[in-house]
Amino acid sequence: MRYSGNKGFSLTELLVVLGLLGVLGAMTALSISSLSGSLKFKNVAWGISAQLRLAKQSASTNNLEHRVELGIGAGRYRLTQGNLPAGSTVWTDVKPWVALDSDVAWVTGAACDGNADLNIKFNPNGTADAGTICIMDTGGAVRYRIEVSATSGRVTIN
């Protein structure tokens, strides 16, 4: 059986399809880039809050004070354990220092304007030192806010 007419695509049709695929590919790459940047801040917020929650649980379980040390200037944090249920004088590492990504900034304080190091201590009875940690991008926009309640030791992310 013999067919008449064109049996393939013209060069113009092929170029239009390739152009559309290029535009869609560029849009997808931008979306993925934006999403990965957003995930970076979320991972930092969840990592810090996980350490804070572990400190609260460990203080209750071990009947010893635990604290999360936040080296604001150094861009790192770690979990330590005290030697007493209250008024500890010696602190030992439970978890090693975790460094922040260079694209992530953080500050402390309710107004997100503090730059001093912060230690948030959890007591065996469930109370804690109140504290606020603000996770920011390098432009200064607050992406996440982590708060610790003094009366309940509850850790929240906003």
N, C-alpha and C. Protein backbone atom coordinates (compact mmCIF):
# COMPACT_ATOMS: atom_id res chain seq x y z
N MET A 1 0.84 -1.17 0.00
CA MET A 1 0.00 0.00 0.00
C MET A 1 0.88 1.23 0.00
N ARG A 2 0.54 2.18 -0.78
CA ARG A 2 1.34 3.37 -0.97
C ARG A 2 0.61 4.57 -0.41
N TYR A 3 1.37 5.39 0.41
CA TYR A 3 0.80 6.61 1.02
C TYR A 3 1.25 7.82 0.24
N SER A 4 0.39 8.79 0.18
CA SER A 4 0.81 10.03 -0.49
C SER A 4 0.92 11.12 0.56
N GLY A 5 1.61 12.15 0.28
CA GLY A 5 1.77 13.28 1.21
C GLY A 5 3.04 13.16 2.02
N ASN A 6 3.13 14.03 3.03
CA ASN A 6 4.32 14.07 3.89
C ASN A 6 4.32 12.90 4.86
N LYS A 7 5.49 12.36 5.07
CA LYS A 7 5.62 11.22 5.98
C LYS A 7 6.37 11.58 7.27
N GLY A 8 6.71 12.84 7.50
CA GLY A 8 7.49 13.21 8.68
C GLY A 8 7.14 14.60 9.17
N PHE A 9 7.96 15.11 10.05
CA PHE A 9 7.77 16.45 10.60
C PHE A 9 8.61 17.44 9.83
N SER A 10 8.11 18.63 9.72
CA SER A 10 8.92 19.67 9.08
C SER A 10 9.92 20.20 10.09
N LEU A 11 10.92 20.86 9.61
CA LEU A 11 11.95 21.45 10.46
C LEU A 11 11.33 22.50 11.39
N THR A 12 10.38 23.25 10.90
CA THR A 12 9.71 24.27 11.70
C THR A 12 8.96 23.64 12.87
N GLU A 13 8.23 22.56 12.60
CA GLU A 13 7.49 21.88 13.68
C GLU A 13 8.44 21.34 14.74
N LEU A 14 9.54 20.79 14.31
CA LEU A 14 10.52 20.25 15.24
C LEU A 14 11.13 21.35 16.10
N LEU A 15 11.45 22.49 15.50
CA LEU A 15 12.03 23.61 16.26
C LEU A 15 11.04 24.19 17.27
N VAL A 16 9.76 24.26 16.91
CA VAL A 16 8.73 24.76 17.84
C VAL A 16 8.62 23.83 19.04
N VAL A 17 8.60 22.54 18.82
CA VAL A 17 8.51 21.57 19.92
C VAL A 17 9.74 21.65 20.81
N LEU A 18 10.92 21.73 20.22
CA LEU A 18 12.15 21.85 21.01
C LEU A 18 12.18 23.15 21.81
N GLY A 19 11.67 24.22 21.23
CA GLY A 19 11.60 25.50 21.94
C GLY A 19 10.68 25.42 23.15
N LEU A 20 9.52 24.79 22.97
CA LEU A 20 8.58 24.63 24.09
C LEU A 20 9.18 23.76 25.19
N LEU A 21 9.86 22.69 24.81
CA LEU A 21 10.51 21.84 25.80
C LEU A 21 11.59 22.60 26.57
N GLY A 22 12.31 23.47 25.90
CA GLY A 22 13.33 24.29 26.55
C GLY A 22 12.73 25.24 27.57
N VAL A 23 11.63 25.90 27.21
CA VAL A 23 10.95 26.81 28.13
C VAL A 23 10.42 26.05 29.35
N LEU A 24 9.80 24.91 29.13
CA LEU A 24 9.29 24.10 30.25
C LEU A 24 10.43 23.62 31.14
N GLY A 25 11.54 23.24 30.54
CA GLY A 25 12.70 22.79 31.31
C GLY A 25 13.26 23.91 32.18
N ALA A 26 13.34 25.11 31.64
CA ALA A 26 13.85 26.26 32.40
C ALA A 26 12.92 26.58 33.57
N MET A 27 11.60 26.53 33.33
CA MET A 27 10.64 26.79 34.41
C MET A 27 10.76 25.74 35.51
N THR A 28 10.95 24.51 35.15
CA THR A 28 11.11 23.44 36.13
C THR A 28 12.38 23.63 36.93
N ALA A 29 13.47 23.99 36.28
CA ALA A 29 14.74 24.20 36.98
C ALA A 29 14.62 25.33 37.99
N LEU A 30 13.93 26.42 37.64
CA LEU A 30 13.73 27.53 38.57
C LEU A 30 12.89 27.10 39.77
N SER A 31 11.86 26.31 39.53
CA SER A 31 11.01 25.83 40.62
C SER A 31 11.79 24.93 41.57
N ILE A 32 12.60 24.06 41.02
CA ILE A 32 13.40 23.15 41.85
C ILE A 32 14.42 23.94 42.65
N SER A 33 15.03 24.93 42.05
CA SER A 33 16.02 25.77 42.74
C SER A 33 15.37 26.51 43.91
N SER A 34 14.21 27.07 43.69
CA SER A 34 13.48 27.77 44.74
C SER A 34 13.08 26.83 45.86
N LEU A 35 12.63 25.64 45.50
CA LEU A 35 12.20 24.65 46.49
C LEU A 35 13.37 24.17 47.33
N SER A 36 14.53 23.95 46.73
CA SER A 36 15.68 23.47 47.50
C SER A 36 16.15 24.54 48.47
N GLY A 37 16.09 25.81 48.09
CA GLY A 37 16.46 26.89 49.00
C GLY A 37 15.52 26.95 50.18
N SER A 38 14.25 26.76 49.95
CA SER A 38 13.25 26.77 51.01
C SER A 38 13.44 25.57 51.95
N LEU A 39 13.79 24.42 51.39
CA LEU A 39 14.01 23.22 52.21
C LEU A 39 15.21 23.38 53.12
N LYS A 40 16.20 24.14 52.70
CA LYS A 40 17.40 24.36 53.51
C LYS A 40 17.02 25.00 54.85
N PHE A 41 16.16 26.03 54.81
CA PHE A 41 15.75 26.72 56.03
C PHE A 41 14.87 25.82 56.90
N LYS A 42 14.02 25.06 56.26
CA LYS A 42 13.15 24.15 57.00
C LYS A 42 13.97 23.07 57.69
N ASN A 43 14.97 22.53 57.02
CA ASN A 43 15.81 21.50 57.64
C ASN A 43 16.56 22.04 58.85
N VAL A 44 17.05 23.27 58.78
CA VAL A 44 17.74 23.87 59.92
C VAL A 44 16.76 24.04 61.08
N ALA A 45 15.58 24.57 60.81
CA ALA A 45 14.58 24.77 61.87
C ALA A 45 14.20 23.44 62.52
N TRP A 46 13.98 22.42 61.72
CA TRP A 46 13.61 21.11 62.27
C TRP A 46 14.78 20.46 63.00
N GLY A 47 16.00 20.67 62.54
CA GLY A 47 17.17 20.12 63.21
C GLY A 47 17.36 20.71 64.60
N ILE A 48 17.24 22.03 64.70
CA ILE A 48 17.38 22.69 66.00
C ILE A 48 16.25 22.29 66.93
N SER A 49 15.03 22.27 66.43
CA SER A 49 13.90 21.89 67.29
C SER A 49 14.01 20.44 67.72
N ALA A 50 14.56 19.57 66.89
CA ALA A 50 14.75 18.17 67.27
C ALA A 50 15.75 18.07 68.43
N GLN A 51 16.83 18.86 68.38
CA GLN A 51 17.79 18.87 69.48
C GLN A 51 17.13 19.38 70.76
N LEU A 52 16.32 20.42 70.64
CA LEU A 52 15.63 20.97 71.81
C LEU A 52 14.67 19.94 72.42
N ARG A 53 13.93 19.26 71.58
CA ARG A 53 12.99 18.23 72.08
C ARG A 53 13.74 17.05 72.70
N LEU A 54 14.86 16.68 72.12
CA LEU A 54 15.68 15.61 72.69
C LEU A 54 16.22 16.02 74.05
N ALA A 55 16.62 17.28 74.18
CA ALA A 55 17.11 17.78 75.47
C ALA A 55 16.02 17.69 76.53
N LYS A 56 14.81 18.07 76.18
CA LYS A 56 13.69 18.00 77.13
C LYS A 56 13.43 16.55 77.54
N GLN A 57 13.36 15.66 76.58
CA GLN A 57 13.10 14.25 76.87
C GLN A 57 14.23 13.64 77.69
N SER A 58 15.47 13.94 77.35
CA SER A 58 16.62 13.38 78.06
C SER A 58 16.69 13.88 79.49
N ALA A 59 16.35 15.14 79.72
CA ALA A 59 16.35 15.68 81.09
C ALA A 59 15.37 14.91 81.95
N SER A 60 14.21 14.65 81.42
CA SER A 60 13.19 13.91 82.17
C SER A 60 13.58 12.46 82.38
N THR A 61 14.10 11.83 81.36
CA THR A 61 14.47 10.41 81.42
C THR A 61 15.65 10.15 82.35
N ASN A 62 16.68 11.00 82.26
CA ASN A 62 17.92 10.78 83.02
C ASN A 62 17.95 11.51 84.36
N ASN A 63 16.96 12.34 84.63
CA ASN A 63 16.90 13.15 85.85
C ASN A 63 18.14 14.03 86.00
N LEU A 64 18.61 14.55 84.89
CA LEU A 64 19.74 15.48 84.86
C LEU A 64 19.40 16.63 83.91
N GLU A 65 19.91 17.81 84.22
CA GLU A 65 19.70 18.93 83.32
C GLU A 65 20.34 18.64 81.96
N HIS A 66 19.70 19.11 80.91
CA HIS A 66 20.25 19.04 79.56
C HIS A 66 20.07 20.41 78.94
N ARG A 67 20.95 20.78 78.07
CA ARG A 67 20.81 22.07 77.40
C ARG A 67 21.28 21.99 75.96
N VAL A 68 20.74 22.88 75.18
CA VAL A 68 21.18 23.05 73.80
C VAL A 68 21.96 24.36 73.77
N GLU A 69 23.22 24.26 73.40
CA GLU A 69 24.09 25.43 73.30
C GLU A 69 24.05 25.93 71.87
N LEU A 70 23.73 27.20 71.71
CA LEU A 70 23.63 27.81 70.39
C LEU A 70 24.74 28.83 70.23
N GLY A 71 25.72 28.50 69.43
CA GLY A 71 26.81 29.43 69.13
C GLY A 71 26.39 30.32 67.97
N ILE A 72 25.74 31.42 68.29
CA ILE A 72 25.16 32.27 67.25
C ILE A 72 26.24 32.79 66.30
N GLY A 73 27.33 33.35 66.84
CA GLY A 73 28.40 33.88 66.00
C GLY A 73 29.12 32.81 65.20
N ALA A 74 29.29 31.64 65.81
CA ALA A 74 30.00 30.54 65.14
C ALA A 74 29.09 29.77 64.19
N GLY A 75 27.77 29.96 64.28
CA GLY A 75 26.84 29.26 63.39
C GLY A 75 26.77 27.77 63.65
N ARG A 76 26.66 27.39 64.94
CA ARG A 76 26.60 25.97 65.27
C ARG A 76 25.84 25.76 66.58
N TYR A 77 25.40 24.52 66.79
CA TYR A 77 24.68 24.17 68.01
C TYR A 77 25.00 22.74 68.42
N ARG A 78 24.79 22.44 69.72
CA ARG A 78 25.01 21.08 70.21
C ARG A 78 24.18 20.83 71.46
N LEU A 79 24.06 19.56 71.82
CA LEU A 79 23.34 19.12 73.01
C LEU A 79 24.34 18.68 74.06
N THR A 80 24.17 19.18 75.31
CA THR A 80 25.04 18.78 76.42
C THR A 80 24.19 18.34 77.61
N GLN A 81 24.84 17.60 78.51
CA GLN A 81 24.16 17.07 79.71
C GLN A 81 24.87 17.61 80.94
N GLY A 82 24.08 18.05 81.93
CA GLY A 82 24.64 18.52 83.19
C GLY A 82 24.94 17.36 84.12
N ASN A 83 25.61 17.67 85.23
CA ASN A 83 25.97 16.64 86.19
C ASN A 83 24.98 16.54 87.35
N LEU A 84 23.97 17.41 87.41
CA LEU A 84 23.00 17.42 88.50
C LEU A 84 21.58 17.65 87.97
N PRO A 85 20.57 17.31 88.80
CA PRO A 85 19.19 17.60 88.39
C PRO A 85 18.90 19.11 88.35
N ALA A 86 19.64 19.88 89.14
CA ALA A 86 19.49 21.34 89.15
C ALA A 86 20.84 21.96 89.54
N GLY A 87 21.17 23.08 88.91
CA GLY A 87 22.40 23.77 89.24
C GLY A 87 23.67 23.07 88.79
N SER A 88 23.65 22.45 87.66
CA SER A 88 24.83 21.73 87.14
C SER A 88 26.02 22.66 86.99
N THR A 89 27.19 22.11 87.30
CA THR A 89 28.44 22.88 87.16
C THR A 89 29.34 22.30 86.08
N VAL A 90 29.08 21.07 85.68
CA VAL A 90 29.86 20.41 84.64
C VAL A 90 28.91 19.96 83.53
N TRP A 91 29.27 20.28 82.30
CA TRP A 91 28.44 19.91 81.14
C TRP A 91 29.27 19.07 80.19
N THR A 92 28.72 17.93 79.79
CA THR A 92 29.41 17.04 78.86
C THR A 92 28.61 16.93 77.56
N ASP A 93 29.32 16.72 76.47
CA ASP A 93 28.67 16.60 75.15
C ASP A 93 27.82 15.35 75.08
N VAL A 94 26.61 15.51 74.58
CA VAL A 94 25.75 14.38 74.25
C VAL A 94 25.75 14.20 72.74
N LYS A 95 25.66 15.29 72.03
CA LYS A 95 25.71 15.31 70.56
C LYS A 95 26.78 16.31 70.15
N PRO A 96 27.51 16.05 69.08
CA PRO A 96 28.56 16.98 68.65
C PRO A 96 27.97 18.26 68.04
N TRP A 97 28.84 19.22 67.83
CA TRP A 97 28.43 20.46 67.20
C TRP A 97 27.86 20.18 65.80
N VAL A 98 26.80 20.88 65.47
CA VAL A 98 26.20 20.83 64.14
C VAL A 98 26.33 22.23 63.55
N ALA A 99 26.95 22.34 62.39
CA ALA A 99 27.17 23.64 61.76
C ALA A 99 26.00 24.00 60.85
N LEU A 100 25.66 25.28 60.83
CA LEU A 100 24.62 25.77 59.93
C LEU A 100 25.19 25.90 58.53
N ASP A 101 24.33 25.80 57.53
CA ASP A 101 24.70 26.05 56.15
C ASP A 101 25.08 27.53 56.02
N SER A 102 26.00 27.84 55.17
CA SER A 102 26.47 29.23 55.03
C SER A 102 25.38 30.18 54.50
N ASP A 103 24.36 29.65 53.86
CA ASP A 103 23.27 30.49 53.35
C ASP A 103 22.21 30.78 54.39
N VAL A 104 22.36 30.21 55.59
CA VAL A 104 21.37 30.36 56.64
C VAL A 104 21.95 31.23 57.74
N ALA A 105 21.17 32.23 58.16
CA ALA A 105 21.56 33.09 59.27
C ALA A 105 20.58 32.85 60.41
N TRP A 106 20.97 33.22 61.62
CA TRP A 106 20.06 33.09 62.75
C TRP A 106 20.36 34.15 63.78
N VAL A 107 19.35 34.51 64.51
CA VAL A 107 19.46 35.46 65.61
C VAL A 107 18.55 34.96 66.73
N THR A 108 18.67 35.59 67.90
CA THR A 108 17.86 35.18 69.03
C THR A 108 17.00 36.36 69.50
N GLY A 109 16.11 36.08 70.43
CA GLY A 109 15.29 37.11 71.04
C GLY A 109 13.92 37.19 70.42
N ALA A 110 12.97 37.65 71.23
CA ALA A 110 11.57 37.75 70.79
C ALA A 110 11.43 38.68 69.58
N ALA A 111 12.29 39.70 69.50
CA ALA A 111 12.23 40.64 68.38
C ALA A 111 13.15 40.23 67.24
N CYS A 112 13.77 39.05 67.35
CA CYS A 112 14.71 38.55 66.32
C CYS A 112 15.82 39.55 66.06
N ASP A 113 16.41 40.05 67.14
CA ASP A 113 17.47 41.05 66.97
C ASP A 113 18.70 40.78 67.84
N GLY A 114 18.76 39.62 68.50
CA GLY A 114 19.89 39.31 69.38
C GLY A 114 20.96 38.52 68.65
N ASN A 115 22.21 38.78 69.01
CA ASN A 115 23.30 38.03 68.36
C ASN A 115 24.24 37.40 69.38
N ALA A 116 23.82 37.34 70.65
CA ALA A 116 24.64 36.70 71.68
C ALA A 116 24.36 35.20 71.70
N ASP A 117 25.37 34.43 72.06
CA ASP A 117 25.19 32.98 72.20
C ASP A 117 24.09 32.71 73.22
N LEU A 118 23.42 31.58 73.06
CA LEU A 118 22.28 31.25 73.91
C LEU A 118 22.35 29.79 74.33
N ASN A 119 22.07 29.54 75.60
CA ASN A 119 21.96 28.18 76.11
C ASN A 119 20.55 28.00 76.62
N ILE A 120 19.83 27.04 76.07
CA ILE A 120 18.48 26.75 76.53
C ILE A 120 18.54 25.47 77.34
N LYS A 121 18.28 25.60 78.64
CA LYS A 121 18.40 24.48 79.58
C LYS A 121 17.03 23.89 79.88
N PHE A 122 16.99 22.55 79.92
CA PHE A 122 15.77 21.82 80.26
C PHE A 122 15.99 21.11 81.59
N ASN A 123 15.00 21.20 82.46
CA ASN A 123 15.06 20.60 83.79
C ASN A 123 14.29 19.29 83.81
N PRO A 124 14.63 18.39 84.73
CA PRO A 124 13.92 17.10 84.82
C PRO A 124 12.41 17.23 85.06
N ASN A 125 11.97 18.34 85.67
CA ASN A 125 10.53 18.52 85.94
C ASN A 125 9.76 19.05 84.74
N GLY A 126 10.42 19.23 83.60
CA GLY A 126 9.74 19.65 82.37
C GLY A 126 9.84 21.13 82.07
N THR A 127 10.30 21.93 83.02
CA THR A 127 10.46 23.36 82.75
C THR A 127 11.75 23.61 81.96
N ALA A 128 11.87 24.81 81.45
CA ALA A 128 13.04 25.14 80.62
C ALA A 128 13.34 26.63 80.72
N ASP A 129 14.49 27.00 80.19
CA ASP A 129 14.78 28.41 79.99
C ASP A 129 14.06 28.83 78.72
N ALA A 130 13.27 29.89 78.81
CA ALA A 130 12.57 30.37 77.62
C ALA A 130 13.58 30.88 76.61
N GLY A 131 13.24 30.74 75.35
CA GLY A 131 14.14 31.24 74.31
C GLY A 131 13.46 31.29 72.96
N THR A 132 13.96 32.17 72.11
CA THR A 132 13.46 32.30 70.74
C THR A 132 14.65 32.31 69.80
N ILE A 133 14.57 31.50 68.76
CA ILE A 133 15.60 31.44 67.73
C ILE A 133 14.92 31.73 66.40
N CYS A 134 15.44 32.69 65.67
CA CYS A 134 14.88 33.05 64.38
C CYS A 134 15.82 32.60 63.27
N ILE A 135 15.32 31.78 62.36
CA ILE A 135 16.08 31.30 61.22
C ILE A 135 15.80 32.26 60.06
N MET A 136 16.87 32.82 59.49
CA MET A 136 16.70 33.86 58.48
C MET A 136 17.50 33.54 57.22
N ASP A 137 17.08 34.17 56.13
CA ASP A 137 17.91 34.07 54.92
C ASP A 137 18.95 35.18 54.99
N THR A 138 19.88 35.18 54.07
CA THR A 138 20.96 36.16 54.12
C THR A 138 20.48 37.59 53.85
N GLY A 139 19.27 37.72 53.34
CA GLY A 139 18.68 39.04 53.13
C GLY A 139 18.02 39.60 54.38
N GLY A 140 17.95 38.80 55.45
CA GLY A 140 17.38 39.27 56.71
C GLY A 140 15.91 38.94 56.91
N ALA A 141 15.31 38.21 56.00
CA ALA A 141 13.89 37.83 56.15
C ALA A 141 13.80 36.60 57.06
N VAL A 142 12.92 36.68 58.06
CA VAL A 142 12.72 35.56 58.99
C VAL A 142 11.94 34.47 58.27
N ARG A 143 12.51 33.28 58.19
CA ARG A 143 11.87 32.15 57.53
C ARG A 143 11.13 31.28 58.55
N TYR A 144 11.78 31.03 59.70
CA TYR A 144 11.17 30.22 60.76
C TYR A 144 11.53 30.82 62.10
N ARG A 145 10.64 30.61 63.05
CA ARG A 145 10.82 31.10 64.41
C ARG A 145 10.59 29.92 65.36
N ILE A 146 11.61 29.59 66.16
CA ILE A 146 11.51 28.49 67.11
C ILE A 146 11.40 29.09 68.50
N GLU A 147 10.38 28.67 69.24
CA GLU A 147 10.17 29.21 70.58
C GLU A 147 10.11 28.08 71.60
N VAL A 148 10.71 28.33 72.77
CA VAL A 148 10.69 27.39 73.88
C VAL A 148 9.96 28.07 75.03
N SER A 149 8.94 27.40 75.55
CA SER A 149 8.17 27.90 76.69
C SER A 149 8.87 27.57 78.00
N ALA A 150 8.94 28.53 78.91
CA ALA A 150 9.62 28.31 80.20
C ALA A 150 8.83 27.36 81.09
N THR A 151 7.52 27.49 81.15
CA THR A 151 6.72 26.71 82.09
C THR A 151 6.54 25.25 81.68
N SER A 152 6.45 25.00 80.39
CA SER A 152 6.20 23.62 79.94
C SER A 152 7.37 23.02 79.18
N GLY A 153 8.34 23.82 78.78
CA GLY A 153 9.45 23.33 77.96
C GLY A 153 9.03 22.99 76.55
N ARG A 154 7.84 23.40 76.17
CA ARG A 154 7.32 23.07 74.83
C ARG A 154 8.09 23.83 73.75
N VAL A 155 8.40 23.11 72.68
CA VAL A 155 9.14 23.68 71.55
C VAL A 155 8.17 23.81 70.38
N THR A 156 8.06 25.02 69.84
CA THR A 156 7.17 25.25 68.69
C THR A 156 7.95 25.92 67.57
N ILE A 157 7.52 25.62 66.34
CA ILE A 157 8.10 26.24 65.15
C ILE A 157 6.98 27.02 64.44
N ASN A 158 7.25 28.26 64.16
CA ASN A 158 6.29 29.10 63.42
C ASN A 158 6.94 29.61 62.16
